[in-house]
């Protein structure tokens, strides 16, 4: 039991260290770009030794790839949780989509620097982590696709809906609208932005039920 507790404590400390490195890296890269950011700067911002960076990640590129995987994983989990909570509460599939829009906005409001990096990286094709980015992006979109598919089957969502494109459009709408909100309309509340996007959703995907 003592060994188990020690192992657990070590794992917790390592995860805390990795989280510090993620946060330091995303902040620095958002400020000055990937190429201009050094491992020394990441270590200094995280408050750890340079060797700690290499202990956790083989290189700066690996750190950034894992950062993308970690961040999009958090977004995917928040979207899935929103859909599952809505289902437990007896809401419709359209309600679930609406809850996912809000969950996306909450995530972006909490992690604006990561979201800026993620959106920027989606348009680059010369990065070593491009294939990983496509995989984790599809995981997030797939959560929305599942809800759309179930909505079509129940009649809550129009059967003319193009599932892959609509799911991508909904995720993209939230990402771009949220970044625009933060950059150009910061005086607006999250509730206000959510209400505007909700009206778009309600008018476009509701089906015959």
N, C-alpha and C. Protein backbone atom coordinates (compact mmCIF):
# COMPACT_ATOMS: atom_id res chain seq x y z
N UNK A 1 0.82 -1.20 0.00
CA UNK A 1 0.00 0.00 0.00
C UNK A 1 0.86 1.27 0.00
N UNK A 2 1.96 1.22 0.76
CA UNK A 2 2.83 2.39 0.81
C UNK A 2 3.42 2.68 -0.56
N UNK A 3 3.81 1.59 -1.26
CA UNK A 3 4.40 1.77 -2.58
C UNK A 3 3.37 2.36 -3.53
N UNK A 4 2.10 1.89 -3.41
CA UNK A 4 1.02 2.41 -4.26
C UNK A 4 0.80 3.89 -4.01
N UNK A 5 0.81 4.28 -2.74
CA UNK A 5 0.61 5.69 -2.39
C UNK A 5 1.75 6.55 -2.92
N UNK A 6 2.97 6.01 -2.81
CA UNK A 6 4.13 6.77 -3.31
C UNK A 6 4.05 6.93 -4.81
N UNK A 7 3.65 5.85 -5.50
CA UNK A 7 3.52 5.92 -6.95
C UNK A 7 2.45 6.92 -7.35
N UNK A 8 1.34 6.88 -6.61
CA UNK A 8 0.25 7.80 -6.90
C UNK A 8 0.69 9.25 -6.70
N UNK A 9 1.44 9.47 -5.60
CA UNK A 9 1.90 10.82 -5.34
C UNK A 9 2.86 11.31 -6.39
N UNK A 10 3.74 10.38 -6.87
CA UNK A 10 4.67 10.74 -7.93
C UNK A 10 3.95 11.09 -9.22
N UNK A 11 2.93 10.31 -9.54
CA UNK A 11 2.15 10.57 -10.75
C UNK A 11 1.44 11.91 -10.68
N UNK A 12 0.92 12.22 -9.49
CA UNK A 12 0.22 13.49 -9.30
C UNK A 12 1.17 14.66 -9.48
N UNK A 13 2.37 14.52 -8.89
CA UNK A 13 3.37 15.59 -9.02
C UNK A 13 3.80 15.76 -10.47
N UNK A 14 3.96 14.63 -11.18
CA UNK A 14 4.38 14.73 -12.57
C UNK A 14 3.30 15.40 -13.41
N UNK A 15 2.04 15.05 -13.16
CA UNK A 15 0.96 15.68 -13.90
C UNK A 15 0.90 17.19 -13.62
N UNK A 16 1.15 17.56 -12.36
CA UNK A 16 1.15 18.98 -12.00
C UNK A 16 2.28 19.71 -12.73
N UNK A 17 3.45 19.05 -12.81
CA UNK A 17 4.59 19.64 -13.53
C UNK A 17 4.27 19.79 -15.00
N UNK A 18 3.71 18.74 -15.60
CA UNK A 18 3.36 18.79 -17.02
C UNK A 18 2.34 19.90 -17.27
N UNK A 19 1.38 20.09 -16.35
CA UNK A 19 0.40 21.14 -16.51
C UNK A 19 1.07 22.51 -16.49
N UNK A 20 2.05 22.70 -15.61
CA UNK A 20 2.80 23.95 -15.56
C UNK A 20 3.51 24.20 -16.90
N UNK A 21 4.10 23.14 -17.44
CA UNK A 21 4.81 23.26 -18.71
C UNK A 21 3.85 23.57 -19.86
N UNK A 22 2.69 22.94 -19.87
CA UNK A 22 1.68 23.24 -20.88
C UNK A 22 1.31 24.72 -20.84
N UNK A 23 1.00 25.19 -19.63
CA UNK A 23 0.55 26.58 -19.47
C UNK A 23 1.65 27.56 -19.86
N UNK A 24 2.89 27.26 -19.47
CA UNK A 24 4.01 28.14 -19.82
C UNK A 24 4.22 28.15 -21.33
N UNK A 25 4.18 26.98 -21.94
CA UNK A 25 4.42 26.89 -23.38
C UNK A 25 3.33 27.61 -24.17
N UNK A 26 2.08 27.38 -23.82
CA UNK A 26 1.01 27.98 -24.60
C UNK A 26 1.03 29.50 -24.48
N UNK A 27 1.36 30.00 -23.30
CA UNK A 27 1.42 31.46 -23.11
C UNK A 27 2.55 32.06 -23.93
N UNK A 28 3.72 31.47 -23.84
CA UNK A 28 4.88 32.00 -24.57
C UNK A 28 4.71 31.90 -26.08
N UNK A 29 4.22 30.76 -26.54
CA UNK A 29 4.06 30.57 -27.99
C UNK A 29 2.99 31.50 -28.54
N UNK A 30 1.95 31.73 -27.76
CA UNK A 30 0.92 32.68 -28.18
C UNK A 30 1.49 34.09 -28.27
N UNK A 31 2.41 34.41 -27.37
CA UNK A 31 2.99 35.75 -27.33
C UNK A 31 4.01 35.98 -28.44
N UNK A 32 4.86 34.97 -28.71
CA UNK A 32 6.00 35.24 -29.59
C UNK A 32 6.23 34.21 -30.69
N UNK A 33 5.34 33.22 -30.79
CA UNK A 33 5.48 32.24 -31.86
C UNK A 33 6.29 31.03 -31.44
N UNK A 34 6.08 29.92 -32.15
CA UNK A 34 6.74 28.66 -31.79
C UNK A 34 8.25 28.76 -31.98
N UNK A 35 8.69 29.23 -33.13
CA UNK A 35 10.13 29.25 -33.45
C UNK A 35 10.92 30.13 -32.49
N UNK A 36 10.31 31.24 -32.07
CA UNK A 36 11.03 32.18 -31.21
C UNK A 36 11.05 31.76 -29.75
N UNK A 37 10.23 30.80 -29.39
CA UNK A 37 10.16 30.36 -28.00
C UNK A 37 11.19 29.27 -27.73
N UNK A 38 11.98 29.43 -26.69
CA UNK A 38 13.02 28.45 -26.37
C UNK A 38 12.60 27.59 -25.18
N UNK A 39 13.27 26.44 -25.07
CA UNK A 39 13.01 25.55 -23.93
C UNK A 39 13.40 26.25 -22.63
N UNK A 40 14.47 27.03 -22.65
CA UNK A 40 14.88 27.78 -21.47
C UNK A 40 13.76 28.69 -20.98
N UNK A 41 13.11 29.39 -21.93
CA UNK A 41 12.03 30.30 -21.56
C UNK A 41 10.84 29.54 -21.00
N UNK A 42 10.53 28.41 -21.59
CA UNK A 42 9.41 27.60 -21.10
C UNK A 42 9.70 27.15 -19.66
N UNK A 43 10.92 26.67 -19.42
CA UNK A 43 11.29 26.21 -18.09
C UNK A 43 11.22 27.35 -17.08
N UNK A 44 11.74 28.52 -17.47
CA UNK A 44 11.73 29.67 -16.57
C UNK A 44 10.30 30.10 -16.25
N UNK A 45 9.44 30.16 -17.26
CA UNK A 45 8.04 30.57 -17.05
C UNK A 45 7.31 29.56 -16.16
N UNK A 46 7.65 28.27 -16.32
CA UNK A 46 7.00 27.23 -15.52
C UNK A 46 7.59 27.12 -14.11
N UNK A 47 8.76 27.75 -13.90
CA UNK A 47 9.41 27.68 -12.60
C UNK A 47 10.07 26.34 -12.33
N UNK A 48 10.59 25.72 -13.40
CA UNK A 48 11.26 24.42 -13.25
C UNK A 48 12.63 24.49 -13.93
N UNK A 49 13.46 23.48 -13.68
CA UNK A 49 14.76 23.40 -14.33
C UNK A 49 14.58 22.98 -15.79
N UNK A 50 15.53 23.38 -16.63
CA UNK A 50 15.46 23.03 -18.05
C UNK A 50 15.41 21.51 -18.24
N UNK A 51 16.17 20.79 -17.40
CA UNK A 51 16.18 19.33 -17.50
C UNK A 51 14.82 18.72 -17.26
N UNK A 52 13.98 19.41 -16.47
CA UNK A 52 12.64 18.90 -16.19
C UNK A 52 11.79 18.88 -17.46
N UNK A 53 12.02 19.86 -18.33
CA UNK A 53 11.29 19.88 -19.60
C UNK A 53 11.61 18.63 -20.39
N UNK A 54 12.91 18.33 -20.50
CA UNK A 54 13.32 17.17 -21.30
C UNK A 54 13.01 15.85 -20.61
N UNK A 55 12.86 15.87 -19.30
CA UNK A 55 12.45 14.66 -18.58
C UNK A 55 11.01 14.31 -18.94
N UNK A 56 10.19 15.32 -19.13
CA UNK A 56 8.77 15.11 -19.43
C UNK A 56 8.48 15.03 -20.93
N UNK A 57 9.28 15.72 -21.73
CA UNK A 57 9.06 15.77 -23.18
C UNK A 57 10.41 15.70 -23.90
N UNK A 58 10.49 14.91 -24.94
CA UNK A 58 11.75 14.70 -25.63
C UNK A 58 12.29 15.97 -26.30
N UNK A 59 11.39 16.87 -26.69
CA UNK A 59 11.80 18.08 -27.39
C UNK A 59 10.70 19.13 -27.28
N UNK A 60 11.00 20.33 -27.74
CA UNK A 60 9.98 21.38 -27.76
C UNK A 60 8.83 20.99 -28.68
N UNK A 61 9.14 20.36 -29.80
CA UNK A 61 8.09 19.94 -30.74
C UNK A 61 7.17 18.91 -30.11
N UNK A 62 7.75 17.96 -29.38
CA UNK A 62 6.94 16.95 -28.69
C UNK A 62 6.06 17.61 -27.63
N UNK A 63 6.63 18.57 -26.91
CA UNK A 63 5.85 19.29 -25.91
C UNK A 63 4.65 19.98 -26.57
N UNK A 64 4.88 20.61 -27.70
CA UNK A 64 3.79 21.33 -28.35
C UNK A 64 2.75 20.36 -28.90
N UNK A 65 3.21 19.24 -29.44
CA UNK A 65 2.27 18.24 -29.94
C UNK A 65 1.40 17.70 -28.81
N UNK A 66 2.03 17.43 -27.67
CA UNK A 66 1.27 16.94 -26.52
C UNK A 66 0.35 18.04 -25.97
N UNK A 67 0.79 19.28 -26.07
CA UNK A 67 -0.04 20.40 -25.65
C UNK A 67 -1.32 20.45 -26.48
N UNK A 68 -1.20 20.29 -27.79
CA UNK A 68 -2.38 20.28 -28.65
C UNK A 68 -3.30 19.12 -28.29
N UNK A 69 -2.69 17.95 -28.09
CA UNK A 69 -3.48 16.76 -27.74
C UNK A 69 -4.21 16.98 -26.41
N UNK A 70 -3.49 17.53 -25.46
CA UNK A 70 -4.06 17.77 -24.12
C UNK A 70 -5.20 18.79 -24.18
N UNK A 71 -4.97 19.90 -24.87
CA UNK A 71 -5.97 20.96 -24.92
C UNK A 71 -7.23 20.55 -25.64
N UNK A 72 -7.08 19.93 -26.81
CA UNK A 72 -8.26 19.50 -27.56
C UNK A 72 -8.97 18.37 -26.81
N UNK A 73 -8.20 17.57 -26.07
CA UNK A 73 -8.82 16.54 -25.23
C UNK A 73 -9.72 17.15 -24.18
N UNK A 74 -9.28 18.23 -23.56
CA UNK A 74 -10.11 18.93 -22.58
C UNK A 74 -11.38 19.49 -23.22
N UNK A 75 -11.24 20.06 -24.42
CA UNK A 75 -12.40 20.59 -25.13
C UNK A 75 -13.37 19.47 -25.46
N UNK A 76 -12.86 18.36 -25.98
CA UNK A 76 -13.71 17.22 -26.33
C UNK A 76 -14.46 16.71 -25.11
N UNK A 77 -13.77 16.60 -23.99
CA UNK A 77 -14.40 16.12 -22.76
C UNK A 77 -15.50 17.07 -22.30
N UNK A 78 -15.28 18.36 -22.44
CA UNK A 78 -16.30 19.33 -22.01
C UNK A 78 -17.53 19.28 -22.92
N UNK A 79 -17.33 19.06 -24.22
CA UNK A 79 -18.46 18.92 -25.14
C UNK A 79 -19.26 17.66 -24.82
N UNK A 80 -18.56 16.56 -24.60
CA UNK A 80 -19.23 15.30 -24.29
C UNK A 80 -20.01 15.40 -22.97
N UNK A 81 -19.40 16.03 -21.98
CA UNK A 81 -20.06 16.18 -20.69
C UNK A 81 -21.34 17.02 -20.82
N UNK A 82 -21.27 18.06 -21.63
CA UNK A 82 -22.46 18.91 -21.83
C UNK A 82 -23.59 18.11 -22.45
N UNK A 83 -23.26 17.28 -23.45
CA UNK A 83 -24.29 16.46 -24.11
C UNK A 83 -24.86 15.43 -23.15
N UNK A 84 -24.01 14.80 -22.37
CA UNK A 84 -24.46 13.76 -21.44
C UNK A 84 -25.31 14.36 -20.32
N UNK A 85 -24.93 15.52 -19.82
CA UNK A 85 -25.72 16.18 -18.78
C UNK A 85 -27.10 16.55 -19.29
N UNK A 86 -27.16 17.02 -20.53
CA UNK A 86 -28.45 17.38 -21.12
C UNK A 86 -29.35 16.16 -21.25
N UNK A 87 -28.77 15.05 -21.69
CA UNK A 87 -29.54 13.80 -21.83
C UNK A 87 -30.07 13.34 -20.48
N UNK A 88 -29.24 13.41 -19.44
CA UNK A 88 -29.68 12.99 -18.10
C UNK A 88 -30.81 13.85 -17.59
N UNK A 89 -30.81 15.12 -17.98
CA UNK A 89 -31.84 16.05 -17.53
C UNK A 89 -33.10 16.00 -18.39
N UNK A 90 -33.09 15.12 -19.41
CA UNK A 90 -34.27 14.96 -20.25
C UNK A 90 -34.38 15.96 -21.39
N UNK A 91 -33.29 16.63 -21.72
CA UNK A 91 -33.32 17.61 -22.80
C UNK A 91 -33.29 16.96 -24.16
N UNK A 92 -33.60 17.73 -25.19
CA UNK A 92 -33.58 17.23 -26.56
C UNK A 92 -32.17 17.24 -27.12
N UNK A 93 -32.00 16.67 -28.31
CA UNK A 93 -30.69 16.70 -28.95
C UNK A 93 -30.30 18.12 -29.33
N UNK A 94 -31.28 18.94 -29.71
CA UNK A 94 -30.99 20.35 -30.01
C UNK A 94 -30.55 21.06 -28.73
N UNK A 95 -31.19 20.72 -27.61
CA UNK A 95 -30.75 21.27 -26.32
C UNK A 95 -29.30 20.87 -26.05
N UNK A 96 -28.97 19.62 -26.40
CA UNK A 96 -27.60 19.14 -26.18
C UNK A 96 -26.61 19.92 -27.03
N UNK A 97 -26.97 20.17 -28.29
CA UNK A 97 -26.10 20.97 -29.16
C UNK A 97 -25.92 22.37 -28.60
N UNK A 98 -27.00 22.93 -28.08
CA UNK A 98 -26.93 24.27 -27.49
C UNK A 98 -26.02 24.27 -26.26
N UNK A 99 -26.14 23.22 -25.45
CA UNK A 99 -25.29 23.11 -24.26
C UNK A 99 -23.83 22.95 -24.67
N UNK A 100 -23.58 22.27 -25.79
CA UNK A 100 -22.21 22.09 -26.27
C UNK A 100 -21.63 23.41 -26.76
N UNK A 101 -22.47 24.23 -27.38
CA UNK A 101 -22.02 25.56 -27.79
C UNK A 101 -21.57 26.36 -26.57
N UNK A 102 -22.38 26.31 -25.52
CA UNK A 102 -22.02 27.04 -24.31
C UNK A 102 -20.74 26.47 -23.68
N UNK A 103 -20.63 25.14 -23.67
CA UNK A 103 -19.43 24.51 -23.11
C UNK A 103 -18.20 24.94 -23.89
N UNK A 104 -18.33 25.03 -25.22
CA UNK A 104 -17.21 25.48 -26.04
C UNK A 104 -16.82 26.91 -25.71
N UNK A 105 -17.80 27.77 -25.53
CA UNK A 105 -17.52 29.17 -25.19
C UNK A 105 -16.84 29.28 -23.83
N UNK A 106 -17.32 28.48 -22.88
CA UNK A 106 -16.71 28.48 -21.54
C UNK A 106 -15.25 28.04 -21.61
N UNK A 107 -15.01 26.99 -22.40
CA UNK A 107 -13.64 26.49 -22.57
C UNK A 107 -12.74 27.57 -23.17
N UNK A 108 -13.22 28.21 -24.22
CA UNK A 108 -12.41 29.22 -24.92
C UNK A 108 -12.18 30.44 -24.03
N UNK A 109 -13.19 30.80 -23.24
CA UNK A 109 -13.05 31.91 -22.31
C UNK A 109 -11.98 31.59 -21.26
N UNK A 110 -11.88 30.31 -20.90
CA UNK A 110 -10.91 29.89 -19.90
C UNK A 110 -9.51 29.73 -20.48
N UNK A 111 -9.44 29.28 -21.75
CA UNK A 111 -8.15 29.01 -22.39
C UNK A 111 -8.02 29.78 -23.71
N UNK A 112 -8.06 31.10 -23.67
CA UNK A 112 -8.01 31.88 -24.92
C UNK A 112 -6.71 31.72 -25.70
N UNK A 113 -5.58 31.67 -25.00
CA UNK A 113 -4.29 31.56 -25.68
C UNK A 113 -4.19 30.21 -26.41
N UNK A 114 -4.65 29.15 -25.75
CA UNK A 114 -4.62 27.84 -26.42
C UNK A 114 -5.51 27.85 -27.66
N UNK A 115 -6.67 28.45 -27.55
CA UNK A 115 -7.60 28.46 -28.68
C UNK A 115 -7.01 29.21 -29.86
N UNK A 116 -6.34 30.32 -29.60
CA UNK A 116 -5.68 31.06 -30.68
C UNK A 116 -4.64 30.19 -31.38
N UNK A 117 -3.84 29.48 -30.59
CA UNK A 117 -2.83 28.60 -31.17
C UNK A 117 -3.46 27.48 -31.98
N UNK A 118 -4.48 26.88 -31.42
CA UNK A 118 -5.15 25.75 -32.08
C UNK A 118 -5.70 26.16 -33.43
N UNK A 119 -6.42 27.28 -33.47
CA UNK A 119 -7.00 27.75 -34.73
C UNK A 119 -5.90 28.07 -35.73
N UNK A 120 -4.83 28.72 -35.28
CA UNK A 120 -3.72 29.06 -36.18
C UNK A 120 -3.08 27.79 -36.75
N UNK A 121 -2.88 26.78 -35.91
CA UNK A 121 -2.21 25.56 -36.35
C UNK A 121 -3.06 24.75 -37.33
N UNK A 122 -4.38 24.89 -37.25
CA UNK A 122 -5.25 24.16 -38.18
C UNK A 122 -4.96 24.53 -39.64
N UNK A 123 -4.45 25.74 -39.86
CA UNK A 123 -4.24 26.22 -41.22
C UNK A 123 -2.81 25.98 -41.72
N UNK A 124 -1.95 25.45 -40.86
CA UNK A 124 -0.57 25.19 -41.27
C UNK A 124 -0.43 23.73 -41.68
N UNK A 125 0.33 23.50 -42.74
CA UNK A 125 0.48 22.12 -43.24
C UNK A 125 1.92 21.62 -43.16
N UNK A 126 2.82 22.44 -42.65
CA UNK A 126 4.23 22.05 -42.65
C UNK A 126 4.75 21.70 -41.26
N UNK A 127 3.85 21.36 -40.35
CA UNK A 127 4.25 21.04 -39.00
C UNK A 127 4.33 19.53 -38.80
N UNK A 128 5.25 19.10 -37.96
CA UNK A 128 5.42 17.67 -37.71
C UNK A 128 4.22 17.08 -36.98
N UNK A 129 3.47 17.93 -36.29
CA UNK A 129 2.33 17.46 -35.50
C UNK A 129 0.99 17.58 -36.25
N UNK A 130 1.03 17.87 -37.56
CA UNK A 130 -0.20 18.08 -38.30
C UNK A 130 -1.13 16.87 -38.26
N UNK A 131 -0.57 15.66 -38.39
CA UNK A 131 -1.42 14.47 -38.37
C UNK A 131 -2.07 14.28 -37.01
N UNK A 132 -1.32 14.56 -35.95
CA UNK A 132 -1.90 14.47 -34.60
C UNK A 132 -3.02 15.49 -34.43
N UNK A 133 -2.81 16.69 -34.94
CA UNK A 133 -3.82 17.73 -34.83
C UNK A 133 -5.10 17.33 -35.54
N UNK A 134 -4.98 16.70 -36.70
CA UNK A 134 -6.16 16.27 -37.44
C UNK A 134 -6.93 15.19 -36.68
N UNK A 135 -6.19 14.31 -36.03
CA UNK A 135 -6.83 13.23 -35.26
C UNK A 135 -7.61 13.80 -34.08
N UNK A 136 -6.98 14.68 -33.31
CA UNK A 136 -7.67 15.21 -32.12
C UNK A 136 -8.80 16.15 -32.52
N UNK A 137 -8.65 16.86 -33.64
CA UNK A 137 -9.73 17.70 -34.12
C UNK A 137 -10.96 16.83 -34.44
N UNK A 138 -10.73 15.71 -35.10
CA UNK A 138 -11.83 14.84 -35.47
C UNK A 138 -12.51 14.25 -34.24
N UNK A 139 -11.77 14.04 -33.18
CA UNK A 139 -12.37 13.53 -31.95
C UNK A 139 -13.38 14.53 -31.39
N UNK A 140 -13.04 15.82 -31.44
CA UNK A 140 -13.95 16.85 -30.96
C UNK A 140 -15.18 16.94 -31.86
N UNK A 141 -14.95 16.93 -33.18
CA UNK A 141 -16.06 17.04 -34.12
C UNK A 141 -16.97 15.82 -34.02
N UNK A 142 -16.39 14.64 -33.77
CA UNK A 142 -17.17 13.41 -33.71
C UNK A 142 -18.21 13.45 -32.59
N UNK A 143 -17.90 14.13 -31.49
CA UNK A 143 -18.87 14.25 -30.40
C UNK A 143 -20.12 14.99 -30.89
N UNK A 144 -19.92 16.02 -31.68
CA UNK A 144 -21.05 16.78 -32.24
C UNK A 144 -21.77 15.94 -33.28
N UNK A 145 -21.03 15.21 -34.09
CA UNK A 145 -21.63 14.34 -35.09
C UNK A 145 -22.57 13.33 -34.45
N UNK A 146 -22.16 12.76 -33.33
CA UNK A 146 -22.98 11.75 -32.66
C UNK A 146 -24.33 12.33 -32.24
N UNK A 147 -24.31 13.55 -31.72
CA UNK A 147 -25.56 14.18 -31.28
C UNK A 147 -26.43 14.53 -32.48
N UNK A 148 -25.84 15.03 -33.55
CA UNK A 148 -26.59 15.33 -34.76
C UNK A 148 -27.23 14.05 -35.33
N UNK A 149 -26.47 12.98 -35.35
CA UNK A 149 -26.97 11.71 -35.89
C UNK A 149 -28.18 11.21 -35.07
N UNK A 150 -28.04 11.29 -33.74
CA UNK A 150 -29.14 10.87 -32.87
C UNK A 150 -30.35 11.79 -33.05
N UNK A 151 -30.10 13.08 -33.28
CA UNK A 151 -31.18 14.03 -33.48
C UNK A 151 -31.95 13.77 -34.76
N UNK A 152 -31.23 13.37 -35.80
CA UNK A 152 -31.88 13.03 -37.07
C UNK A 152 -32.76 11.79 -36.89
N UNK A 153 -32.24 10.80 -36.18
CA UNK A 153 -32.98 9.56 -35.96
C UNK A 153 -34.27 9.80 -35.16
N UNK A 154 -34.22 10.77 -34.25
CA UNK A 154 -35.40 11.06 -33.42
C UNK A 154 -36.34 12.09 -34.05
N UNK A 155 -35.90 12.69 -35.16
CA UNK A 155 -36.72 13.71 -35.80
C UNK A 155 -36.54 15.11 -35.24
N UNK A 156 -35.63 15.26 -34.29
CA UNK A 156 -35.40 16.58 -33.69
C UNK A 156 -34.53 17.46 -34.57
N UNK A 157 -33.74 16.83 -35.43
CA UNK A 157 -32.86 17.55 -36.34
C UNK A 157 -33.26 17.18 -37.77
N UNK A 158 -33.24 18.16 -38.66
CA UNK A 158 -33.65 17.94 -40.04
C UNK A 158 -32.87 16.80 -40.68
N UNK A 159 -33.59 15.91 -41.39
CA UNK A 159 -32.92 14.79 -42.03
C UNK A 159 -32.14 15.21 -43.28
N UNK A 160 -32.21 16.49 -43.64
CA UNK A 160 -31.41 17.02 -44.74
C UNK A 160 -30.03 17.50 -44.27
N UNK A 161 -29.80 17.37 -42.97
CA UNK A 161 -28.55 17.85 -42.40
C UNK A 161 -27.37 17.02 -42.88
N UNK A 162 -26.33 17.69 -43.35
CA UNK A 162 -25.06 17.06 -43.70
C UNK A 162 -24.27 16.95 -42.40
N UNK A 163 -24.22 15.74 -41.83
CA UNK A 163 -23.66 15.57 -40.49
C UNK A 163 -22.21 16.02 -40.38
N UNK A 164 -21.28 15.51 -41.20
CA UNK A 164 -19.87 15.92 -41.04
C UNK A 164 -19.65 17.43 -41.20
N UNK A 165 -20.29 18.00 -42.23
CA UNK A 165 -20.09 19.42 -42.49
C UNK A 165 -20.74 20.28 -41.42
N UNK A 166 -21.93 19.89 -40.99
CA UNK A 166 -22.63 20.67 -39.96
C UNK A 166 -21.88 20.61 -38.63
N UNK A 167 -21.36 19.44 -38.27
CA UNK A 167 -20.60 19.32 -37.03
C UNK A 167 -19.35 20.20 -37.09
N UNK A 168 -18.65 20.16 -38.21
CA UNK A 168 -17.46 21.00 -38.37
C UNK A 168 -17.83 22.48 -38.31
N UNK A 169 -18.97 22.82 -38.94
CA UNK A 169 -19.41 24.21 -38.96
C UNK A 169 -19.76 24.70 -37.56
N UNK A 170 -20.40 23.85 -36.77
CA UNK A 170 -20.78 24.25 -35.41
C UNK A 170 -19.53 24.47 -34.55
N UNK A 171 -18.57 23.55 -34.64
CA UNK A 171 -17.33 23.71 -33.88
C UNK A 171 -16.59 24.96 -34.36
N UNK A 172 -16.51 25.12 -35.67
CA UNK A 172 -15.82 26.29 -36.22
C UNK A 172 -16.50 27.59 -35.85
N UNK A 173 -17.84 27.58 -35.85
CA UNK A 173 -18.60 28.77 -35.48
C UNK A 173 -18.26 29.20 -34.06
N UNK A 174 -18.22 28.25 -33.15
CA UNK A 174 -17.92 28.56 -31.76
C UNK A 174 -16.49 29.10 -31.62
N UNK A 175 -15.54 28.44 -32.27
CA UNK A 175 -14.14 28.87 -32.17
C UNK A 175 -13.95 30.29 -32.71
N UNK A 176 -14.44 30.54 -33.92
CA UNK A 176 -14.22 31.84 -34.55
C UNK A 176 -15.02 32.94 -33.84
N UNK A 177 -16.28 32.64 -33.51
CA UNK A 177 -17.11 33.65 -32.83
C UNK A 177 -16.51 34.02 -31.48
N UNK A 178 -16.01 33.02 -30.76
CA UNK A 178 -15.44 33.29 -29.45
C UNK A 178 -14.17 34.13 -29.55
N UNK A 179 -13.33 33.82 -30.52
CA UNK A 179 -12.11 34.62 -30.70
C UNK A 179 -12.45 36.05 -31.11
N UNK A 180 -13.45 36.18 -31.98
CA UNK A 180 -13.89 37.52 -32.38
C UNK A 180 -14.44 38.28 -31.17
N UNK A 181 -15.21 37.58 -30.35
CA UNK A 181 -15.77 38.17 -29.14
C UNK A 181 -14.66 38.70 -28.24
N UNK A 182 -13.66 37.90 -27.99
CA UNK A 182 -12.61 38.30 -27.08
C UNK A 182 -11.72 39.40 -27.64
N UNK A 183 -11.50 39.37 -28.96
CA UNK A 183 -10.60 40.36 -29.57
C UNK A 183 -11.29 41.69 -29.85
N UNK A 184 -12.56 41.64 -30.30
CA UNK A 184 -13.21 42.85 -30.80
C UNK A 184 -14.47 43.27 -30.05
N UNK A 185 -15.05 42.36 -29.26
CA UNK A 185 -16.27 42.70 -28.53
C UNK A 185 -16.19 42.22 -27.07
N UNK A 186 -15.10 42.53 -26.39
CA UNK A 186 -14.89 41.98 -25.03
C UNK A 186 -15.92 42.48 -24.02
N UNK A 187 -16.63 43.53 -24.37
CA UNK A 187 -17.63 44.06 -23.43
C UNK A 187 -18.86 43.16 -23.34
N UNK A 188 -19.04 42.27 -24.32
CA UNK A 188 -20.19 41.39 -24.31
C UNK A 188 -19.97 40.24 -23.33
N UNK A 189 -21.04 39.82 -22.67
CA UNK A 189 -20.94 38.73 -21.71
C UNK A 189 -21.00 37.38 -22.43
N UNK A 190 -20.55 36.35 -21.73
CA UNK A 190 -20.64 35.00 -22.29
C UNK A 190 -22.09 34.64 -22.57
N UNK A 191 -22.99 35.02 -21.67
CA UNK A 191 -24.42 34.73 -21.88
C UNK A 191 -24.93 35.38 -23.15
N UNK A 192 -24.49 36.59 -23.41
CA UNK A 192 -24.93 37.33 -24.60
C UNK A 192 -24.45 36.64 -25.87
N UNK A 193 -23.17 36.24 -25.89
CA UNK A 193 -22.62 35.57 -27.06
C UNK A 193 -23.28 34.22 -27.26
N UNK A 194 -23.51 33.50 -26.18
CA UNK A 194 -24.18 32.21 -26.27
C UNK A 194 -25.59 32.37 -26.83
N UNK A 195 -26.30 33.37 -26.38
CA UNK A 195 -27.67 33.59 -26.86
C UNK A 195 -27.69 33.84 -28.36
N UNK A 196 -26.72 34.60 -28.86
CA UNK A 196 -26.67 34.89 -30.29
C UNK A 196 -26.40 33.62 -31.10
N UNK A 197 -25.46 32.80 -30.65
CA UNK A 197 -25.15 31.56 -31.36
C UNK A 197 -26.29 30.56 -31.21
N UNK A 198 -26.96 30.58 -30.08
CA UNK A 198 -28.09 29.69 -29.86
C UNK A 198 -29.21 29.96 -30.85
N UNK A 199 -29.44 31.23 -31.14
CA UNK A 199 -30.49 31.59 -32.12
C UNK A 199 -30.14 31.06 -33.51
N UNK A 200 -28.86 31.11 -33.85
CA UNK A 200 -28.43 30.54 -35.14
C UNK A 200 -28.69 29.04 -35.17
N UNK A 201 -28.34 28.36 -34.10
CA UNK A 201 -28.55 26.92 -34.02
C UNK A 201 -30.02 26.56 -34.12
N UNK A 202 -30.84 27.22 -33.34
CA UNK A 202 -32.27 26.89 -33.28
C UNK A 202 -32.93 27.08 -34.64
N UNK A 203 -32.48 28.06 -35.39
CA UNK A 203 -33.10 28.33 -36.68
C UNK A 203 -32.63 27.45 -37.79
N UNK A 204 -31.50 26.72 -37.61
CA UNK A 204 -30.90 26.00 -38.72
C UNK A 204 -31.00 24.48 -38.63
N UNK A 205 -31.03 23.93 -37.45
CA UNK A 205 -30.96 22.47 -37.39
C UNK A 205 -32.21 21.78 -36.87
N UNK A 206 -33.17 22.54 -36.37
CA UNK A 206 -34.35 21.89 -35.79
C UNK A 206 -35.12 21.14 -36.88
N UNK A 207 -35.59 19.98 -36.52
CA UNK A 207 -36.27 19.12 -37.48
C UNK A 207 -37.77 19.17 -37.36
N UNK A 208 -38.41 18.04 -37.69
CA UNK A 208 -39.87 18.02 -37.79
C UNK A 208 -40.57 17.79 -36.46
N UNK A 209 -39.84 17.32 -35.44
CA UNK A 209 -40.49 17.00 -34.17
C UNK A 209 -40.94 18.26 -33.44
